[in-house]
N, C-alpha and C. Protein backbone atom coordinates (compact mmCIF):
# COMPACT_ATOMS: atom_id res chain seq x y z
N MET A 1 -138.78 167.68 146.20
CA MET A 1 -139.31 168.87 145.53
C MET A 1 -138.45 170.09 145.86
N LYS A 2 -138.00 170.78 144.88
CA LYS A 2 -137.12 171.93 145.08
C LYS A 2 -137.89 173.09 145.69
N GLN A 3 -137.28 173.72 146.72
CA GLN A 3 -137.91 174.87 147.37
C GLN A 3 -137.94 176.06 146.41
N PRO A 4 -139.09 176.74 146.29
CA PRO A 4 -139.14 177.89 145.39
C PRO A 4 -138.21 179.00 145.84
N ILE A 5 -137.70 179.76 144.86
CA ILE A 5 -136.76 180.83 145.14
C ILE A 5 -137.37 181.90 146.04
N GLN A 6 -138.72 181.97 146.08
CA GLN A 6 -139.38 183.02 146.84
C GLN A 6 -139.13 182.93 148.34
N TYR A 7 -138.54 181.84 148.80
CA TYR A 7 -138.23 181.70 150.23
C TYR A 7 -137.15 182.71 150.60
N GLY A 8 -137.50 183.61 151.53
CA GLY A 8 -136.56 184.65 151.94
C GLY A 8 -136.55 184.86 153.44
N TYR A 9 -136.15 186.05 153.88
CA TYR A 9 -135.99 186.27 155.31
C TYR A 9 -137.31 186.23 156.07
N SER A 10 -138.41 186.63 155.44
CA SER A 10 -139.71 186.57 156.12
C SER A 10 -140.10 185.13 156.41
N GLU A 11 -139.90 184.26 155.43
CA GLU A 11 -140.20 182.85 155.62
C GLU A 11 -139.27 182.21 156.64
N PHE A 12 -138.02 182.64 156.63
CA PHE A 12 -137.06 182.13 157.61
C PHE A 12 -137.49 182.52 159.02
N GLN A 13 -137.92 183.75 159.20
CA GLN A 13 -138.38 184.20 160.51
C GLN A 13 -139.62 183.43 160.94
N ARG A 14 -140.53 183.20 159.99
CA ARG A 14 -141.74 182.41 160.29
C ARG A 14 -141.39 181.00 160.75
N ASP A 15 -140.44 180.37 160.07
CA ASP A 15 -140.13 178.97 160.35
C ASP A 15 -139.23 178.77 161.56
N THR A 16 -138.51 179.79 161.96
CA THR A 16 -137.59 179.66 163.09
C THR A 16 -138.04 180.43 164.33
N GLY A 17 -138.90 181.42 164.13
CA GLY A 17 -139.36 182.22 165.26
C GLY A 17 -138.32 183.17 165.82
N VAL A 18 -137.32 183.54 165.02
CA VAL A 18 -136.28 184.44 165.52
C VAL A 18 -136.85 185.84 165.73
N SER A 19 -136.22 186.58 166.61
CA SER A 19 -136.64 187.95 166.88
C SER A 19 -136.24 188.86 165.73
N ARG A 20 -136.80 190.06 165.72
CA ARG A 20 -136.44 191.03 164.68
C ARG A 20 -134.95 191.36 164.75
N GLU A 21 -134.43 191.46 165.97
CA GLU A 21 -133.00 191.77 166.12
C GLU A 21 -132.13 190.66 165.54
N THR A 22 -132.49 189.41 165.84
CA THR A 22 -131.72 188.29 165.30
C THR A 22 -131.85 188.21 163.79
N LEU A 23 -133.03 188.49 163.28
CA LEU A 23 -133.23 188.49 161.83
C LEU A 23 -132.34 189.53 161.17
N ASP A 24 -132.21 190.69 161.80
CA ASP A 24 -131.33 191.72 161.26
C ASP A 24 -129.88 191.23 161.21
N GLN A 25 -129.48 190.47 162.22
CA GLN A 25 -128.13 189.90 162.21
C GLN A 25 -127.96 188.93 161.05
N PHE A 26 -128.98 188.13 160.79
CA PHE A 26 -128.92 187.20 159.67
C PHE A 26 -128.87 187.93 158.33
N LYS A 27 -129.58 189.05 158.24
CA LYS A 27 -129.54 189.83 156.99
C LYS A 27 -128.12 190.34 156.74
N ILE A 28 -127.45 190.79 157.77
CA ILE A 28 -126.06 191.25 157.64
C ILE A 28 -125.16 190.09 157.21
N TYR A 29 -125.36 188.96 157.85
CA TYR A 29 -124.60 187.75 157.50
C TYR A 29 -124.81 187.40 156.03
N ALA A 30 -126.06 187.43 155.58
CA ALA A 30 -126.37 187.10 154.19
C ALA A 30 -125.72 188.08 153.23
N ASP A 31 -125.82 189.36 153.51
CA ASP A 31 -125.22 190.38 152.64
C ASP A 31 -123.71 190.22 152.56
N THR A 32 -123.09 189.95 153.70
CA THR A 32 -121.63 189.77 153.74
C THR A 32 -121.23 188.52 152.95
N LEU A 33 -121.99 187.47 153.12
CA LEU A 33 -121.70 186.23 152.41
C LEU A 33 -121.80 186.42 150.89
N LEU A 34 -122.82 187.08 150.44
CA LEU A 34 -123.00 187.28 149.01
C LEU A 34 -121.91 188.19 148.43
N THR A 35 -121.49 189.18 149.20
CA THR A 35 -120.42 190.06 148.75
C THR A 35 -119.10 189.29 148.63
N TRP A 36 -118.78 188.52 149.64
CA TRP A 36 -117.53 187.77 149.63
C TRP A 36 -117.56 186.63 148.61
N ASN A 37 -118.73 186.12 148.32
CA ASN A 37 -118.82 185.00 147.38
C ASN A 37 -118.42 185.40 145.97
N LYS A 38 -118.39 186.70 145.71
CA LYS A 38 -117.91 187.17 144.41
C LYS A 38 -116.39 187.04 144.30
N LYS A 39 -115.72 186.97 145.46
CA LYS A 39 -114.26 186.93 145.48
C LYS A 39 -113.71 185.53 145.76
N ILE A 40 -114.36 184.80 146.65
CA ILE A 40 -113.91 183.45 146.99
C ILE A 40 -115.11 182.52 146.97
N ASN A 41 -114.86 181.25 146.75
CA ASN A 41 -115.94 180.28 146.63
C ASN A 41 -116.41 179.83 148.01
N LEU A 42 -117.49 180.44 148.50
CA LEU A 42 -118.06 180.08 149.79
C LEU A 42 -119.27 179.19 149.64
N ILE A 43 -120.16 179.54 148.71
CA ILE A 43 -121.32 178.72 148.40
C ILE A 43 -121.46 178.65 146.87
N GLY A 44 -122.14 177.62 146.40
CA GLY A 44 -122.33 177.50 144.97
C GLY A 44 -123.17 178.65 144.42
N GLY A 45 -122.78 179.14 143.28
CA GLY A 45 -123.50 180.26 142.69
C GLY A 45 -124.97 179.98 142.49
N SER A 46 -125.31 178.72 142.21
CA SER A 46 -126.71 178.37 141.97
C SER A 46 -127.56 178.45 143.23
N THR A 47 -126.93 178.53 144.41
CA THR A 47 -127.68 178.59 145.67
C THR A 47 -127.75 180.00 146.25
N GLU A 48 -127.14 180.97 145.57
CA GLU A 48 -127.12 182.33 146.11
C GLU A 48 -128.53 182.89 146.30
N GLN A 49 -129.42 182.61 145.35
CA GLN A 49 -130.77 183.16 145.45
C GLN A 49 -131.64 182.41 146.46
N ASP A 50 -131.13 181.29 146.94
CA ASP A 50 -131.90 180.45 147.87
C ASP A 50 -131.19 180.33 149.22
N ILE A 51 -130.43 181.36 149.57
CA ILE A 51 -129.57 181.28 150.74
C ILE A 51 -130.36 181.08 152.03
N TRP A 52 -131.54 181.68 152.14
CA TRP A 52 -132.30 181.60 153.39
C TRP A 52 -132.83 180.20 153.66
N HIS A 53 -133.12 179.47 152.61
CA HIS A 53 -133.62 178.11 152.77
C HIS A 53 -132.49 177.09 152.70
N ARG A 54 -131.71 177.17 151.64
CA ARG A 54 -130.69 176.15 151.36
C ARG A 54 -129.57 176.14 152.39
N HIS A 55 -129.24 177.30 152.94
CA HIS A 55 -128.12 177.37 153.87
C HIS A 55 -128.53 177.74 155.29
N PHE A 56 -129.35 178.80 155.44
CA PHE A 56 -129.70 179.24 156.79
C PHE A 56 -130.68 178.30 157.47
N LEU A 57 -131.80 177.97 156.81
CA LEU A 57 -132.76 177.06 157.43
C LEU A 57 -132.19 175.67 157.56
N ASP A 58 -131.42 175.23 156.57
CA ASP A 58 -130.80 173.91 156.62
C ASP A 58 -129.93 173.78 157.87
N SER A 59 -129.21 174.85 158.21
CA SER A 59 -128.37 174.84 159.41
C SER A 59 -129.22 175.01 160.67
N ALA A 60 -130.22 175.88 160.61
CA ALA A 60 -131.03 176.21 161.78
C ALA A 60 -131.84 175.02 162.28
N GLN A 61 -132.14 174.05 161.40
CA GLN A 61 -132.95 172.92 161.84
C GLN A 61 -132.27 172.10 162.93
N ILE A 62 -130.96 172.27 163.08
CA ILE A 62 -130.22 171.56 164.13
C ILE A 62 -130.51 172.17 165.51
N TYR A 63 -130.78 173.45 165.55
CA TYR A 63 -130.85 174.18 166.82
C TYR A 63 -131.76 173.52 167.87
N PRO A 64 -132.98 173.10 167.53
CA PRO A 64 -133.84 172.48 168.55
C PRO A 64 -133.30 171.17 169.11
N LEU A 65 -132.36 170.55 168.42
CA LEU A 65 -131.80 169.27 168.87
C LEU A 65 -130.71 169.46 169.91
N ILE A 66 -130.20 170.68 170.03
CA ILE A 66 -129.09 170.95 170.94
C ILE A 66 -129.64 171.35 172.31
N SER A 67 -129.12 170.74 173.33
CA SER A 67 -129.60 171.00 174.69
C SER A 67 -129.37 172.46 175.08
N PRO A 68 -130.35 173.07 175.76
CA PRO A 68 -130.14 174.44 176.27
C PRO A 68 -128.98 174.51 177.26
N ASN A 69 -128.59 173.35 177.81
CA ASN A 69 -127.48 173.29 178.76
C ASN A 69 -126.13 173.06 178.09
N SER A 70 -126.12 173.02 176.75
CA SER A 70 -124.87 172.83 176.03
C SER A 70 -123.89 173.95 176.36
N GLN A 71 -122.72 173.58 176.84
CA GLN A 71 -121.74 174.57 177.28
C GLN A 71 -120.84 175.06 176.16
N SER A 72 -120.65 174.24 175.13
CA SER A 72 -119.78 174.63 174.03
C SER A 72 -120.08 173.76 172.83
N LEU A 73 -119.76 174.29 171.65
CA LEU A 73 -120.03 173.59 170.40
C LEU A 73 -118.85 173.81 169.47
N ILE A 74 -118.45 172.75 168.77
CA ILE A 74 -117.39 172.87 167.79
C ILE A 74 -117.92 172.38 166.44
N ASP A 75 -117.71 173.20 165.41
CA ASP A 75 -118.21 172.92 164.07
C ASP A 75 -117.04 172.57 163.17
N ILE A 76 -117.01 171.33 162.69
CA ILE A 76 -115.89 170.83 161.90
C ILE A 76 -116.01 171.30 160.45
N GLY A 77 -114.95 171.92 159.92
CA GLY A 77 -114.94 172.33 158.53
C GLY A 77 -116.09 173.25 158.19
N THR A 78 -116.23 174.31 158.94
CA THR A 78 -117.42 175.16 158.88
C THR A 78 -117.61 175.89 157.56
N GLY A 79 -116.54 176.09 156.78
CA GLY A 79 -116.67 176.75 155.48
C GLY A 79 -117.19 178.17 155.61
N ALA A 80 -118.39 178.40 155.12
CA ALA A 80 -119.01 179.72 155.18
C ALA A 80 -119.74 179.97 156.50
N GLY A 81 -119.59 179.01 157.44
CA GLY A 81 -120.22 179.17 158.74
C GLY A 81 -121.43 178.29 158.97
N PHE A 82 -121.54 177.21 158.18
CA PHE A 82 -122.69 176.33 158.27
C PHE A 82 -122.31 174.98 158.85
N PRO A 83 -122.97 174.57 159.93
CA PRO A 83 -124.05 175.28 160.60
C PRO A 83 -123.63 176.18 161.76
N GLY A 84 -122.33 176.22 162.09
CA GLY A 84 -121.88 176.85 163.33
C GLY A 84 -122.26 178.30 163.52
N MET A 85 -122.03 179.14 162.51
CA MET A 85 -122.34 180.56 162.64
C MET A 85 -123.84 180.77 162.81
N VAL A 86 -124.64 180.00 162.07
CA VAL A 86 -126.10 180.09 162.20
C VAL A 86 -126.52 179.74 163.62
N LEU A 87 -125.95 178.67 164.17
CA LEU A 87 -126.30 178.24 165.52
C LEU A 87 -125.90 179.28 166.56
N ALA A 88 -124.77 179.94 166.34
CA ALA A 88 -124.35 181.00 167.26
C ALA A 88 -125.33 182.16 167.24
N LEU A 89 -125.77 182.55 166.05
CA LEU A 89 -126.73 183.64 165.94
C LEU A 89 -128.07 183.27 166.57
N LEU A 90 -128.41 182.00 166.55
CA LEU A 90 -129.66 181.54 167.14
C LEU A 90 -129.59 181.46 168.66
N GLY A 91 -128.36 181.45 169.21
CA GLY A 91 -128.24 181.47 170.66
C GLY A 91 -127.35 180.44 171.28
N CYS A 92 -126.72 179.55 170.49
CA CYS A 92 -125.79 178.59 171.07
C CYS A 92 -124.60 179.31 171.68
N GLU A 93 -124.17 178.83 172.83
CA GLU A 93 -123.07 179.45 173.56
C GLU A 93 -121.72 178.83 173.18
N ASN A 94 -120.68 179.66 173.25
CA ASN A 94 -119.30 179.17 173.15
C ASN A 94 -119.11 178.32 171.90
N VAL A 95 -119.37 178.92 170.74
CA VAL A 95 -119.29 178.21 169.46
C VAL A 95 -117.90 178.37 168.85
N HIS A 96 -117.30 177.26 168.49
CA HIS A 96 -115.96 177.24 167.87
C HIS A 96 -116.10 176.79 166.42
N LEU A 97 -115.63 177.62 165.50
CA LEU A 97 -115.67 177.31 164.08
C LEU A 97 -114.28 176.89 163.62
N VAL A 98 -114.18 175.71 163.05
CA VAL A 98 -112.89 175.19 162.58
C VAL A 98 -112.86 175.25 161.06
N GLU A 99 -111.93 176.05 160.52
CA GLU A 99 -111.79 176.20 159.07
C GLU A 99 -110.34 176.49 158.74
N SER A 100 -109.70 175.55 158.03
CA SER A 100 -108.27 175.67 157.76
C SER A 100 -107.96 176.63 156.61
N ASP A 101 -108.94 176.92 155.75
CA ASP A 101 -108.73 177.83 154.63
C ASP A 101 -108.66 179.27 155.15
N HIS A 102 -107.55 179.95 154.92
CA HIS A 102 -107.34 181.29 155.48
C HIS A 102 -108.31 182.31 154.90
N ARG A 103 -108.65 182.15 153.64
CA ARG A 103 -109.59 183.12 153.04
C ARG A 103 -110.98 182.95 153.62
N LYS A 104 -111.41 181.71 153.81
CA LYS A 104 -112.71 181.48 154.41
C LYS A 104 -112.72 181.94 155.86
N SER A 105 -111.61 181.75 156.56
CA SER A 105 -111.53 182.22 157.94
C SER A 105 -111.60 183.75 158.01
N ALA A 106 -111.00 184.41 157.03
CA ALA A 106 -111.09 185.88 156.97
C ALA A 106 -112.54 186.31 156.78
N PHE A 107 -113.26 185.60 155.92
CA PHE A 107 -114.69 185.89 155.77
C PHE A 107 -115.43 185.68 157.07
N LEU A 108 -115.17 184.57 157.75
CA LEU A 108 -115.86 184.28 159.00
C LEU A 108 -115.63 185.37 160.04
N ARG A 109 -114.40 185.85 160.12
CA ARG A 109 -114.12 186.92 161.08
C ARG A 109 -114.89 188.18 160.74
N GLU A 110 -114.95 188.51 159.45
CA GLU A 110 -115.68 189.70 159.03
C GLU A 110 -117.19 189.54 159.24
N ALA A 111 -117.72 188.38 158.89
CA ALA A 111 -119.14 188.13 159.08
C ALA A 111 -119.52 188.16 160.56
N ALA A 112 -118.66 187.60 161.40
CA ALA A 112 -118.93 187.62 162.84
C ALA A 112 -118.87 189.03 163.38
N ARG A 113 -117.89 189.80 162.93
CA ARG A 113 -117.75 191.18 163.41
C ARG A 113 -118.97 192.02 163.03
N LEU A 114 -119.41 191.90 161.80
CA LEU A 114 -120.51 192.72 161.32
C LEU A 114 -121.86 192.28 161.88
N SER A 115 -122.06 190.99 162.00
CA SER A 115 -123.35 190.48 162.45
C SER A 115 -123.48 190.41 163.97
N GLY A 116 -122.33 190.41 164.65
CA GLY A 116 -122.36 190.29 166.10
C GLY A 116 -122.40 188.85 166.59
N ALA A 117 -122.11 187.89 165.71
CA ALA A 117 -122.09 186.49 166.12
C ALA A 117 -120.95 186.25 167.10
N ASN A 118 -121.24 185.59 168.19
CA ASN A 118 -120.24 185.31 169.22
C ASN A 118 -119.61 183.95 168.94
N VAL A 119 -118.52 183.96 168.18
CA VAL A 119 -117.85 182.72 167.80
C VAL A 119 -116.34 182.86 167.98
N LYS A 120 -115.70 181.71 168.13
CA LYS A 120 -114.25 181.62 168.15
C LYS A 120 -113.82 180.88 166.89
N ILE A 121 -112.95 181.49 166.10
CA ILE A 121 -112.55 180.92 164.81
C ILE A 121 -111.15 180.32 164.91
N HIS A 122 -111.03 179.07 164.51
CA HIS A 122 -109.75 178.35 164.52
C HIS A 122 -109.32 178.11 163.08
N THR A 123 -108.26 178.78 162.66
CA THR A 123 -107.78 178.63 161.29
C THR A 123 -106.72 177.53 161.24
N VAL A 124 -107.16 176.33 161.51
CA VAL A 124 -106.30 175.14 161.52
C VAL A 124 -107.13 173.95 161.08
N ARG A 125 -106.46 172.84 160.85
CA ARG A 125 -107.17 171.59 160.61
C ARG A 125 -107.68 171.05 161.94
N MET A 126 -108.75 170.32 161.89
CA MET A 126 -109.36 169.81 163.11
C MET A 126 -108.37 169.01 163.95
N GLU A 127 -107.54 168.21 163.28
CA GLU A 127 -106.61 167.35 164.02
C GLU A 127 -105.48 168.13 164.69
N GLU A 128 -105.37 169.43 164.41
CA GLU A 128 -104.33 170.25 165.02
C GLU A 128 -104.79 170.96 166.30
N ILE A 129 -106.06 170.86 166.61
CA ILE A 129 -106.60 171.56 167.79
C ILE A 129 -106.38 170.72 169.03
N SER A 130 -105.85 171.34 170.08
CA SER A 130 -105.72 170.65 171.36
C SER A 130 -107.12 170.45 171.95
N PRO A 131 -107.45 169.25 172.37
CA PRO A 131 -108.80 168.98 172.86
C PRO A 131 -109.19 169.86 174.05
N PHE A 132 -110.43 170.23 174.10
CA PHE A 132 -111.01 170.97 175.22
C PHE A 132 -112.44 170.47 175.39
N PRO A 133 -113.05 170.70 176.54
CA PRO A 133 -114.40 170.16 176.77
C PRO A 133 -115.42 170.77 175.83
N VAL A 134 -116.20 169.92 175.18
CA VAL A 134 -117.29 170.38 174.32
C VAL A 134 -118.55 169.56 174.66
N SER A 135 -119.70 170.15 174.37
CA SER A 135 -120.97 169.47 174.58
C SER A 135 -121.54 168.94 173.27
N THR A 136 -121.27 169.68 172.17
CA THR A 136 -121.88 169.36 170.88
C THR A 136 -120.84 169.48 169.77
N ILE A 137 -120.86 168.54 168.83
CA ILE A 137 -120.00 168.57 167.66
C ILE A 137 -120.89 168.52 166.43
N THR A 138 -120.68 169.45 165.50
CA THR A 138 -121.51 169.51 164.30
C THR A 138 -120.66 169.48 163.04
N ALA A 139 -121.30 169.13 161.92
CA ALA A 139 -120.62 169.19 160.63
C ALA A 139 -121.69 169.12 159.54
N ARG A 140 -121.38 169.78 158.42
CA ARG A 140 -122.28 169.79 157.27
C ARG A 140 -121.44 169.68 155.99
N ALA A 141 -121.67 168.64 155.22
CA ALA A 141 -121.04 168.48 153.91
C ALA A 141 -119.51 168.57 153.97
N VAL A 142 -118.93 167.85 154.93
CA VAL A 142 -117.47 167.89 155.11
C VAL A 142 -116.81 166.57 154.75
N ALA A 143 -117.28 165.49 155.36
CA ALA A 143 -116.63 164.18 155.19
C ALA A 143 -117.63 163.10 155.57
N SER A 144 -117.22 161.85 155.40
CA SER A 144 -118.07 160.74 155.79
C SER A 144 -118.23 160.71 157.31
N ILE A 145 -119.25 160.02 157.79
CA ILE A 145 -119.48 159.92 159.23
C ILE A 145 -118.28 159.28 159.91
N ASN A 146 -117.73 158.24 159.31
CA ASN A 146 -116.56 157.58 159.89
C ASN A 146 -115.40 158.55 160.04
N ASP A 147 -115.13 159.32 159.00
CA ASP A 147 -114.03 160.28 159.05
C ASP A 147 -114.32 161.41 160.05
N LEU A 148 -115.56 161.85 160.12
CA LEU A 148 -115.93 162.90 161.07
C LEU A 148 -115.72 162.43 162.51
N LEU A 149 -116.10 161.20 162.80
CA LEU A 149 -115.90 160.68 164.15
C LEU A 149 -114.42 160.54 164.47
N GLY A 150 -113.62 160.18 163.45
CA GLY A 150 -112.18 160.13 163.66
C GLY A 150 -111.61 161.49 164.02
N LEU A 151 -112.08 162.54 163.33
CA LEU A 151 -111.63 163.89 163.65
C LEU A 151 -112.12 164.34 165.02
N ALA A 152 -113.32 163.90 165.37
CA ALA A 152 -113.93 164.34 166.64
C ALA A 152 -113.43 163.53 167.84
N GLU A 153 -112.80 162.40 167.60
CA GLU A 153 -112.47 161.46 168.67
C GLU A 153 -111.79 162.08 169.89
N PRO A 154 -110.80 162.98 169.73
CA PRO A 154 -110.17 163.55 170.92
C PRO A 154 -111.13 164.36 171.79
N PHE A 155 -112.26 164.76 171.24
CA PHE A 155 -113.22 165.57 171.98
C PHE A 155 -114.38 164.76 172.53
N LEU A 156 -114.45 163.48 172.16
CA LEU A 156 -115.61 162.68 172.50
C LEU A 156 -115.57 162.20 173.95
N THR A 157 -116.68 162.42 174.63
CA THR A 157 -116.96 161.80 175.92
C THR A 157 -118.35 161.20 175.83
N SER A 158 -118.76 160.50 176.86
CA SER A 158 -120.04 159.79 176.80
C SER A 158 -121.24 160.72 176.65
N ASP A 159 -121.11 161.97 177.09
CA ASP A 159 -122.26 162.88 177.03
C ASP A 159 -122.19 163.89 175.88
N VAL A 160 -121.23 163.74 174.97
CA VAL A 160 -121.13 164.64 173.81
C VAL A 160 -122.17 164.22 172.75
N LEU A 161 -122.85 165.21 172.18
CA LEU A 161 -123.80 164.97 171.10
C LEU A 161 -123.15 165.36 169.78
N CYS A 162 -123.14 164.44 168.82
CA CYS A 162 -122.68 164.73 167.46
C CYS A 162 -123.91 164.88 166.56
N VAL A 163 -123.97 165.98 165.82
CA VAL A 163 -125.08 166.21 164.90
C VAL A 163 -124.49 166.49 163.53
N PHE A 164 -124.77 165.60 162.58
CA PHE A 164 -124.21 165.72 161.24
C PHE A 164 -125.35 165.81 160.21
N LEU A 165 -125.25 166.77 159.33
CA LEU A 165 -126.18 166.89 158.21
C LEU A 165 -125.64 166.06 157.05
N LYS A 166 -126.38 165.02 156.67
CA LYS A 166 -125.87 164.07 155.69
C LYS A 166 -126.81 163.95 154.49
N GLY A 167 -126.25 163.49 153.36
CA GLY A 167 -126.98 163.36 152.12
C GLY A 167 -127.51 161.95 151.89
N ARG A 168 -127.70 161.62 150.65
CA ARG A 168 -128.40 160.38 150.30
C ARG A 168 -127.61 159.11 150.61
N ASN A 169 -126.29 159.23 150.87
CA ASN A 169 -125.48 158.05 151.18
C ASN A 169 -125.40 157.76 152.67
N VAL A 170 -126.33 158.30 153.44
CA VAL A 170 -126.25 158.22 154.90
C VAL A 170 -126.22 156.77 155.41
N GLU A 171 -127.02 155.89 154.82
CA GLU A 171 -127.07 154.52 155.32
C GLU A 171 -125.76 153.79 155.06
N VAL A 172 -125.16 154.04 153.92
CA VAL A 172 -123.85 153.45 153.62
C VAL A 172 -122.82 153.95 154.62
N GLU A 173 -122.85 155.24 154.90
CA GLU A 173 -121.90 155.82 155.84
C GLU A 173 -122.10 155.27 157.25
N LEU A 174 -123.35 155.11 157.67
CA LEU A 174 -123.62 154.57 159.01
C LEU A 174 -123.16 153.12 159.12
N THR A 175 -123.36 152.35 158.08
CA THR A 175 -122.90 150.96 158.08
C THR A 175 -121.38 150.90 158.22
N GLU A 176 -120.70 151.75 157.47
CA GLU A 176 -119.24 151.81 157.57
C GLU A 176 -118.81 152.22 158.97
N ALA A 177 -119.49 153.22 159.54
CA ALA A 177 -119.12 153.71 160.87
C ALA A 177 -119.34 152.65 161.94
N HIS A 178 -120.41 151.86 161.80
CA HIS A 178 -120.72 150.85 162.82
C HIS A 178 -119.70 149.72 162.85
N ASN A 179 -118.87 149.63 161.84
CA ASN A 179 -117.79 148.64 161.87
C ASN A 179 -116.67 149.06 162.81
N ILE A 180 -116.64 150.33 163.16
CA ILE A 180 -115.53 150.87 163.96
C ILE A 180 -116.01 151.54 165.25
N TRP A 181 -117.21 152.11 165.21
CA TRP A 181 -117.70 152.90 166.34
C TRP A 181 -118.97 152.29 166.94
N GLU A 182 -119.03 152.36 168.25
CA GLU A 182 -120.26 152.00 168.96
C GLU A 182 -120.94 153.30 169.37
N THR A 183 -122.22 153.43 169.08
CA THR A 183 -122.89 154.70 169.34
C THR A 183 -124.40 154.52 169.33
N GLU A 184 -125.11 155.39 170.01
CA GLU A 184 -126.56 155.48 169.91
C GLU A 184 -126.89 156.46 168.78
N VAL A 185 -127.67 156.01 167.81
CA VAL A 185 -127.95 156.82 166.63
C VAL A 185 -129.44 157.09 166.52
N SER A 186 -129.77 158.32 166.17
CA SER A 186 -131.14 158.64 165.77
C SER A 186 -131.08 159.46 164.50
N ARG A 187 -132.12 159.33 163.68
CA ARG A 187 -132.17 160.05 162.41
C ARG A 187 -133.43 160.89 162.35
N ARG A 188 -133.32 162.03 161.71
CA ARG A 188 -134.47 162.88 161.45
C ARG A 188 -134.43 163.31 159.99
N PRO A 189 -135.57 163.29 159.31
CA PRO A 189 -135.57 163.77 157.93
C PRO A 189 -135.26 165.26 157.89
N SER A 190 -134.51 165.67 156.91
CA SER A 190 -134.17 167.08 156.75
C SER A 190 -135.42 167.89 156.44
N ARG A 191 -135.48 169.11 156.97
CA ARG A 191 -136.58 170.02 156.68
C ARG A 191 -136.42 170.69 155.32
N THR A 192 -135.24 170.60 154.75
CA THR A 192 -134.95 171.38 153.55
C THR A 192 -134.67 170.54 152.31
N ASP A 193 -134.40 169.24 152.48
CA ASP A 193 -134.02 168.41 151.34
C ASP A 193 -134.52 166.98 151.59
N PRO A 194 -135.41 166.48 150.74
CA PRO A 194 -135.94 165.13 150.95
C PRO A 194 -134.89 164.04 150.83
N ASP A 195 -133.75 164.35 150.24
CA ASP A 195 -132.68 163.37 150.11
C ASP A 195 -131.67 163.44 151.25
N SER A 196 -131.90 164.30 152.22
CA SER A 196 -130.94 164.50 153.31
C SER A 196 -131.51 164.06 154.65
N THR A 197 -130.60 163.83 155.59
CA THR A 197 -130.96 163.34 156.92
C THR A 197 -130.11 164.05 157.97
N VAL A 198 -130.72 164.32 159.11
CA VAL A 198 -129.98 164.84 160.26
C VAL A 198 -129.67 163.64 161.16
N VAL A 199 -128.39 163.38 161.35
CA VAL A 199 -127.95 162.23 162.14
C VAL A 199 -127.46 162.71 163.50
N CYS A 200 -128.03 162.15 164.56
CA CYS A 200 -127.61 162.46 165.93
C CYS A 200 -126.96 161.23 166.53
N MET A 201 -125.78 161.42 167.14
CA MET A 201 -125.03 160.31 167.71
C MET A 201 -124.60 160.66 169.12
N ARG A 202 -124.86 159.74 170.04
CA ARG A 202 -124.47 159.91 171.44
C ARG A 202 -123.68 158.70 171.91
N GLU A 203 -122.94 158.91 173.00
CA GLU A 203 -122.15 157.84 173.61
C GLU A 203 -121.29 157.13 172.55
N VAL A 204 -120.57 157.94 171.80
CA VAL A 204 -119.72 157.41 170.74
C VAL A 204 -118.39 156.93 171.32
N ARG A 205 -118.03 155.73 170.96
CA ARG A 205 -116.71 155.25 171.35
C ARG A 205 -116.20 154.29 170.29
N ARG A 206 -114.89 154.28 170.14
CA ARG A 206 -114.25 153.39 169.15
C ARG A 206 -114.20 151.99 169.72
N VAL A 207 -114.63 151.04 168.93
CA VAL A 207 -114.59 149.64 169.37
C VAL A 207 -113.62 148.82 168.53
N LYS A 208 -113.15 149.41 167.42
CA LYS A 208 -112.26 148.67 166.52
C LYS A 208 -111.37 149.64 165.79
N SER A 209 -110.10 149.34 165.70
CA SER A 209 -109.18 150.20 164.99
C SER A 209 -109.52 150.20 163.51
N SER A 210 -109.49 151.39 162.89
CA SER A 210 -109.78 151.49 161.46
C SER A 210 -108.68 150.85 160.61
N ARG A 211 -107.56 150.54 161.24
CA ARG A 211 -106.45 149.92 160.51
C ARG A 211 -106.47 148.41 160.59
N SER A 212 -107.35 147.87 161.42
CA SER A 212 -107.35 146.42 161.59
C SER A 212 -108.18 145.73 160.54
């Protein structure tokens, strides 16, 4: 069932429990995003009126799954900042946004500056980043689970949590991934889309070469 357009910042605050100060930061983020979306393609035009539900709440639903002890988070192919920028505004520490598109990265820098989001922006491809210790790896609408794990592999240790927002092909993607990766998997239904799933993966390790 499609969420009514009436969902806005008041409903977002109700559903997430954010403070008035944090809500003000999200309002700035939303205004900046809508302004920049007139110049570059950050989100689909059909979702502009539903930004608080379709993009902000969709990203925010990950936040309770991330340990309060998480030391750092890297968001693969963050685009307009989903879910990484949202998670930073909600309180995640040491958030790294990876976006190779220079125009999108320029937007991210401006949105972070205006909203006060504490993020580090990497304007490179994921495979170009020198590995550093991370606690959490996230991605939304970027690539298949198998490809995401391949990109994340240099950062993976036994205690890293991967959280991916996936669509209706999730079971096909998990089957493909299990041919190459050994991992503990849990699924949660999306709060924003009945056809979507939040996939959590721990203790990920490669057990078979993708070329074999």
